[in-house]
Amino acid sequence: MPVAEDELSLVFAALADPTRRAILARLARGDATVNELAEPFAMSQQAVSKHLKVLEHARLISRTRTAQSRPCALEAVRLDAAADWVAEHRQVWADRHDRLEQHLTALRAQENPR
């Protein structure tokens, strides 16, 4: 199966993993190094680096070089596209749910006329 490479798919794929969501939540509080990001997880620094590469590929984080350190920073604007997509579709889903409820009510009324 081909993997989608459009920006929205990359963002949702990156957000699909709880470790990556936790990393983003940590970065929402401020920049952090790989060591700082790895602290709360029972995984190697190398495993955390792999998660960071996924987040970088989705452009949800950026890394800069400061002397020997490479702090990571959240690129929150990239989350806007995902939030916009969810908001747009939330109304569609709510409308469909309402229509389904109306349809079920009509079916029940037909089955049990009073």
N, C-alpha and C. Protein backbone atom coordinates (compact mmCIF):
# COMPACT_ATOMS: atom_id res chain seq x y z
N MET A 1 0.84 -1.16 0.00
CA MET A 1 0.00 0.00 0.00
C MET A 1 0.89 1.24 0.00
N PRO A 2 0.66 2.18 -0.93
CA PRO A 2 1.50 3.37 -0.96
C PRO A 2 1.22 4.27 0.24
N VAL A 3 2.25 4.92 0.70
CA VAL A 3 2.14 5.83 1.84
C VAL A 3 1.91 7.23 1.32
N ALA A 4 0.89 7.88 1.83
CA ALA A 4 0.59 9.25 1.41
C ALA A 4 1.65 10.21 1.93
N GLU A 5 2.05 11.14 1.10
CA GLU A 5 3.08 12.10 1.48
C GLU A 5 2.55 13.54 1.50
N ASP A 6 1.23 13.72 1.40
CA ASP A 6 0.74 15.09 1.47
C ASP A 6 0.89 15.59 2.91
N GLU A 7 0.91 16.90 3.07
CA GLU A 7 1.21 17.50 4.37
C GLU A 7 0.26 17.06 5.46
N LEU A 8 -1.04 17.03 5.17
CA LEU A 8 -2.02 16.66 6.19
C LEU A 8 -1.84 15.20 6.61
N SER A 9 -1.57 14.32 5.65
CA SER A 9 -1.35 12.91 5.99
C SER A 9 -0.12 12.74 6.86
N LEU A 10 0.93 13.49 6.56
CA LEU A 10 2.15 13.42 7.38
C LEU A 10 1.88 13.86 8.80
N VAL A 11 1.10 14.93 8.95
CA VAL A 11 0.78 15.43 10.29
C VAL A 11 -0.04 14.40 11.06
N PHE A 12 -1.09 13.86 10.43
CA PHE A 12 -1.92 12.88 11.13
C PHE A 12 -1.14 11.61 11.44
N ALA A 13 -0.27 11.17 10.54
CA ALA A 13 0.56 9.98 10.79
C ALA A 13 1.48 10.23 11.98
N ALA A 14 2.05 11.42 12.05
CA ALA A 14 2.93 11.75 13.18
C ALA A 14 2.14 11.80 14.48
N LEU A 15 0.93 12.33 14.43
CA LEU A 15 0.10 12.43 15.64
C LEU A 15 -0.50 11.10 16.08
N ALA A 16 -0.41 10.09 15.23
CA ALA A 16 -1.02 8.80 15.54
C ALA A 16 -0.31 8.06 16.67
N ASP A 17 0.91 8.43 16.95
CA ASP A 17 1.69 7.72 17.97
C ASP A 17 1.65 8.48 19.30
N PRO A 18 1.32 7.79 20.41
CA PRO A 18 1.23 8.48 21.71
C PRO A 18 2.56 9.07 22.19
N THR A 19 3.67 8.42 21.85
CA THR A 19 4.97 8.96 22.25
C THR A 19 5.22 10.29 21.55
N ARG A 20 4.90 10.36 20.28
CA ARG A 20 5.11 11.61 19.54
C ARG A 20 4.18 12.71 20.05
N ARG A 21 2.95 12.33 20.41
CA ARG A 21 2.04 13.34 20.99
C ARG A 21 2.59 13.85 22.31
N ALA A 22 3.16 12.95 23.11
CA ALA A 22 3.75 13.37 24.40
C ALA A 22 4.95 14.29 24.17
N ILE A 23 5.74 13.99 23.15
CA ILE A 23 6.88 14.85 22.83
C ILE A 23 6.39 16.24 22.43
N LEU A 24 5.34 16.30 21.61
CA LEU A 24 4.79 17.59 21.21
C LEU A 24 4.24 18.35 22.41
N ALA A 25 3.58 17.62 23.32
CA ALA A 25 3.05 18.27 24.52
C ALA A 25 4.19 18.86 25.35
N ARG A 26 5.29 18.14 25.45
CA ARG A 26 6.46 18.65 26.18
C ARG A 26 7.03 19.89 25.49
N LEU A 27 7.13 19.84 24.17
CA LEU A 27 7.69 20.97 23.42
C LEU A 27 6.76 22.19 23.45
N ALA A 28 5.49 21.97 23.72
CA ALA A 28 4.56 23.10 23.85
C ALA A 28 4.94 23.97 25.05
N ARG A 29 5.65 23.39 26.01
CA ARG A 29 6.10 24.14 27.19
C ARG A 29 7.42 24.86 26.94
N GLY A 30 8.10 24.52 25.84
CA GLY A 30 9.37 25.16 25.53
C GLY A 30 10.32 24.21 24.83
N ASP A 31 11.36 24.77 24.25
CA ASP A 31 12.35 23.97 23.54
C ASP A 31 13.01 22.97 24.48
N ALA A 32 13.48 21.86 23.89
CA ALA A 32 14.14 20.83 24.70
C ALA A 32 15.13 20.06 23.83
N THR A 33 16.15 19.51 24.49
CA THR A 33 17.12 18.67 23.80
C THR A 33 16.59 17.25 23.72
N VAL A 34 17.25 16.43 22.93
CA VAL A 34 16.86 15.02 22.81
C VAL A 34 16.94 14.34 24.17
N ASN A 35 17.98 14.63 24.94
CA ASN A 35 18.11 14.04 26.27
C ASN A 35 16.95 14.42 27.17
N GLU A 36 16.56 15.68 27.14
CA GLU A 36 15.43 16.14 27.95
C GLU A 36 14.13 15.48 27.50
N LEU A 37 13.97 15.31 26.19
CA LEU A 37 12.76 14.68 25.67
C LEU A 37 12.72 13.18 25.98
N ALA A 38 13.89 12.56 26.06
CA ALA A 38 13.96 11.12 26.30
C ALA A 38 13.71 10.75 27.77
N GLU A 39 13.94 11.69 28.70
CA GLU A 39 13.85 11.41 30.14
C GLU A 39 12.59 10.67 30.59
N PRO A 40 11.39 11.11 30.21
CA PRO A 40 10.20 10.45 30.77
C PRO A 40 9.85 9.10 30.11
N PHE A 41 10.58 8.71 29.10
CA PHE A 41 10.23 7.49 28.36
C PHE A 41 11.17 6.36 28.70
N ALA A 42 10.63 5.17 28.75
CA ALA A 42 11.43 3.96 28.96
C ALA A 42 11.91 3.46 27.61
N MET A 43 12.70 4.30 26.94
CA MET A 43 13.26 3.93 25.64
C MET A 43 14.59 4.63 25.48
N SER A 44 15.36 4.14 24.54
CA SER A 44 16.68 4.71 24.31
C SER A 44 16.59 6.08 23.66
N GLN A 45 17.67 6.81 23.76
CA GLN A 45 17.76 8.11 23.11
C GLN A 45 17.64 7.92 21.60
N GLN A 46 18.15 6.81 21.10
CA GLN A 46 18.07 6.51 19.67
C GLN A 46 16.61 6.32 19.24
N ALA A 47 15.81 5.66 20.07
CA ALA A 47 14.38 5.48 19.75
C ALA A 47 13.65 6.81 19.74
N VAL A 48 13.98 7.67 20.69
CA VAL A 48 13.37 9.00 20.73
C VAL A 48 13.79 9.78 19.49
N SER A 49 15.03 9.64 19.06
CA SER A 49 15.51 10.32 17.86
C SER A 49 14.71 9.89 16.63
N LYS A 50 14.33 8.63 16.57
CA LYS A 50 13.51 8.16 15.44
C LYS A 50 12.14 8.84 15.44
N HIS A 51 11.56 8.99 16.63
CA HIS A 51 10.28 9.71 16.74
C HIS A 51 10.46 11.17 16.30
N LEU A 52 11.57 11.77 16.69
CA LEU A 52 11.83 13.15 16.32
C LEU A 52 11.98 13.30 14.81
N LYS A 53 12.56 12.31 14.16
CA LYS A 53 12.69 12.37 12.69
C LYS A 53 11.32 12.36 12.03
N VAL A 54 10.40 11.56 12.56
CA VAL A 54 9.03 11.54 12.02
C VAL A 54 8.38 12.91 12.21
N LEU A 55 8.54 13.49 13.39
CA LEU A 55 7.98 14.81 13.67
C LEU A 55 8.61 15.88 12.79
N GLU A 56 9.91 15.75 12.55
CA GLU A 56 10.60 16.70 11.66
C GLU A 56 10.10 16.56 10.23
N HIS A 57 9.93 15.32 9.77
CA HIS A 57 9.46 15.07 8.41
C HIS A 57 8.07 15.67 8.21
N ALA A 58 7.24 15.62 9.24
CA ALA A 58 5.90 16.23 9.18
C ALA A 58 5.97 17.73 9.43
N ARG A 59 7.16 18.23 9.71
CA ARG A 59 7.42 19.65 9.99
C ARG A 59 6.65 20.15 11.21
N LEU A 60 6.47 19.25 12.18
CA LEU A 60 5.84 19.63 13.44
C LEU A 60 6.86 20.15 14.44
N ILE A 61 8.13 19.82 14.20
CA ILE A 61 9.21 20.34 15.04
C ILE A 61 10.35 20.81 14.14
N SER A 62 11.19 21.63 14.70
CA SER A 62 12.42 22.02 14.03
C SER A 62 13.56 21.85 15.02
N ARG A 63 14.75 21.68 14.48
CA ARG A 63 15.94 21.55 15.32
C ARG A 63 16.94 22.62 14.91
N THR A 64 17.56 23.20 15.90
CA THR A 64 18.62 24.17 15.65
C THR A 64 19.90 23.66 16.30
N ARG A 65 21.00 24.24 15.92
CA ARG A 65 22.27 23.84 16.53
C ARG A 65 22.76 25.00 17.39
N THR A 66 22.96 24.71 18.67
CA THR A 66 23.51 25.66 19.61
C THR A 66 24.71 25.00 20.26
N ALA A 67 25.90 25.38 19.84
CA ALA A 67 27.15 24.76 20.30
C ALA A 67 27.06 23.25 20.05
N GLN A 68 27.12 22.44 21.10
CA GLN A 68 27.05 20.99 20.96
C GLN A 68 25.61 20.48 21.02
N SER A 69 24.70 21.33 21.36
CA SER A 69 23.31 20.94 21.57
C SER A 69 22.48 21.17 20.31
N ARG A 70 21.44 20.33 20.14
CA ARG A 70 20.50 20.51 19.03
C ARG A 70 19.09 20.56 19.60
N PRO A 71 18.69 21.69 20.19
CA PRO A 71 17.36 21.77 20.79
C PRO A 71 16.26 21.65 19.73
N CYS A 72 15.15 21.06 20.16
CA CYS A 72 13.97 20.90 19.31
C CYS A 72 12.95 21.95 19.72
N ALA A 73 12.21 22.43 18.72
CA ALA A 73 11.17 23.43 18.97
C ALA A 73 9.90 23.00 18.26
N LEU A 74 8.78 23.24 18.90
CA LEU A 74 7.48 22.95 18.31
C LEU A 74 7.17 23.94 17.20
N GLU A 75 6.65 23.45 16.09
CA GLU A 75 6.16 24.29 14.99
C GLU A 75 4.64 24.18 15.00
N ALA A 76 4.02 24.88 15.93
CA ALA A 76 2.59 24.75 16.19
C ALA A 76 1.72 25.11 15.00
N VAL A 77 2.20 25.98 14.13
CA VAL A 77 1.40 26.39 12.98
C VAL A 77 1.05 25.19 12.10
N ARG A 78 1.88 24.17 12.11
CA ARG A 78 1.62 22.97 11.31
C ARG A 78 0.42 22.20 11.86
N LEU A 79 0.10 22.38 13.12
CA LEU A 79 -1.06 21.72 13.70
C LEU A 79 -2.37 22.38 13.26
N ASP A 80 -2.27 23.62 12.80
CA ASP A 80 -3.46 24.35 12.37
C ASP A 80 -4.19 23.64 11.23
N ALA A 81 -3.45 23.09 10.28
CA ALA A 81 -4.08 22.40 9.16
C ALA A 81 -4.90 21.20 9.64
N ALA A 82 -4.34 20.46 10.60
CA ALA A 82 -5.06 19.30 11.14
C ALA A 82 -6.28 19.77 11.93
N ALA A 83 -6.13 20.80 12.72
CA ALA A 83 -7.24 21.33 13.51
C ALA A 83 -8.34 21.86 12.59
N ASP A 84 -7.95 22.54 11.53
CA ASP A 84 -8.93 23.05 10.57
C ASP A 84 -9.69 21.92 9.90
N TRP A 85 -8.98 20.86 9.52
CA TRP A 85 -9.62 19.71 8.87
C TRP A 85 -10.64 19.07 9.82
N VAL A 86 -10.26 18.87 11.06
CA VAL A 86 -11.16 18.27 12.04
C VAL A 86 -12.38 19.16 12.27
N ALA A 87 -12.17 20.45 12.40
CA ALA A 87 -13.29 21.38 12.64
C ALA A 87 -14.26 21.37 11.46
N GLU A 88 -13.71 21.37 10.26
CA GLU A 88 -14.55 21.35 9.06
C GLU A 88 -15.39 20.09 8.99
N HIS A 89 -14.77 18.97 9.29
CA HIS A 89 -15.48 17.69 9.19
C HIS A 89 -16.35 17.39 10.40
N ARG A 90 -16.08 18.02 11.53
CA ARG A 90 -16.90 17.81 12.72
C ARG A 90 -18.34 18.21 12.43
N GLN A 91 -18.55 19.32 11.73
CA GLN A 91 -19.90 19.76 11.42
C GLN A 91 -20.58 18.79 10.45
N VAL A 92 -19.86 18.28 9.48
CA VAL A 92 -20.41 17.29 8.54
C VAL A 92 -20.86 16.06 9.31
N TRP A 93 -20.01 15.59 10.22
CA TRP A 93 -20.35 14.39 11.00
C TRP A 93 -21.53 14.65 11.91
N ALA A 94 -21.58 15.82 12.52
CA ALA A 94 -22.70 16.16 13.40
C ALA A 94 -24.00 16.20 12.61
N ASP A 95 -23.96 16.79 11.41
CA ASP A 95 -25.16 16.85 10.57
C ASP A 95 -25.62 15.44 10.18
N ARG A 96 -24.68 14.58 9.83
CA ARG A 96 -25.03 13.20 9.47
C ARG A 96 -25.63 12.46 10.66
N HIS A 97 -25.08 12.69 11.84
CA HIS A 97 -25.61 12.05 13.05
C HIS A 97 -27.04 12.52 13.30
N ASP A 98 -27.28 13.81 13.13
CA ASP A 98 -28.63 14.35 13.33
C ASP A 98 -29.61 13.76 12.33
N ARG A 99 -29.18 13.64 11.07
CA ARG A 99 -30.07 13.05 10.06
C ARG A 99 -30.35 11.58 10.36
N LEU A 100 -29.34 10.86 10.84
CA LEU A 100 -29.53 9.46 11.20
C LEU A 100 -30.52 9.35 12.35
N GLU A 101 -30.39 10.20 13.35
CA GLU A 101 -31.32 10.19 14.48
C GLU A 101 -32.75 10.46 14.02
N GLN A 102 -32.93 11.41 13.11
CA GLN A 102 -34.26 11.71 12.57
C GLN A 102 -34.82 10.51 11.81
N HIS A 103 -33.97 9.86 11.04
CA HIS A 103 -34.39 8.69 10.26
C HIS A 103 -34.80 7.56 11.20
N LEU A 104 -34.01 7.30 12.23
CA LEU A 104 -34.34 6.23 13.18
C LEU A 104 -35.63 6.54 13.93
N THR A 105 -35.84 7.79 14.28
CA THR A 105 -37.08 8.19 14.94
C THR A 105 -38.27 7.94 14.03
N ALA A 106 -38.13 8.27 12.75
CA ALA A 106 -39.21 8.04 11.78
C ALA A 106 -39.48 6.55 11.62
N LEU A 107 -38.44 5.73 11.58
CA LEU A 107 -38.62 4.28 11.47
C LEU A 107 -39.33 3.71 12.68
N ARG A 108 -38.95 4.18 13.87
CA ARG A 108 -39.61 3.71 15.09
C ARG A 108 -41.10 4.09 15.09
N ALA A 109 -41.38 5.29 14.60
CA ALA A 109 -42.77 5.76 14.53
C ALA A 109 -43.59 4.90 13.57
N GLN A 110 -42.98 4.47 12.47
CA GLN A 110 -43.67 3.61 11.51
C GLN A 110 -43.93 2.23 12.09
N GLU A 111 -42.98 1.71 12.88
CA GLU A 111 -43.11 0.38 13.47
C GLU A 111 -44.13 0.35 14.61
N ASN A 112 -44.23 1.44 15.33
CA ASN A 112 -45.12 1.51 16.49
C ASN A 112 -46.09 2.67 16.37
N PRO A 113 -47.01 2.61 15.41
CA PRO A 113 -47.97 3.71 15.31
C PRO A 113 -48.89 3.70 16.51
N ARG A 114 -49.28 4.87 16.97
CA ARG A 114 -50.13 4.96 18.16
C ARG A 114 -51.52 5.27 17.81
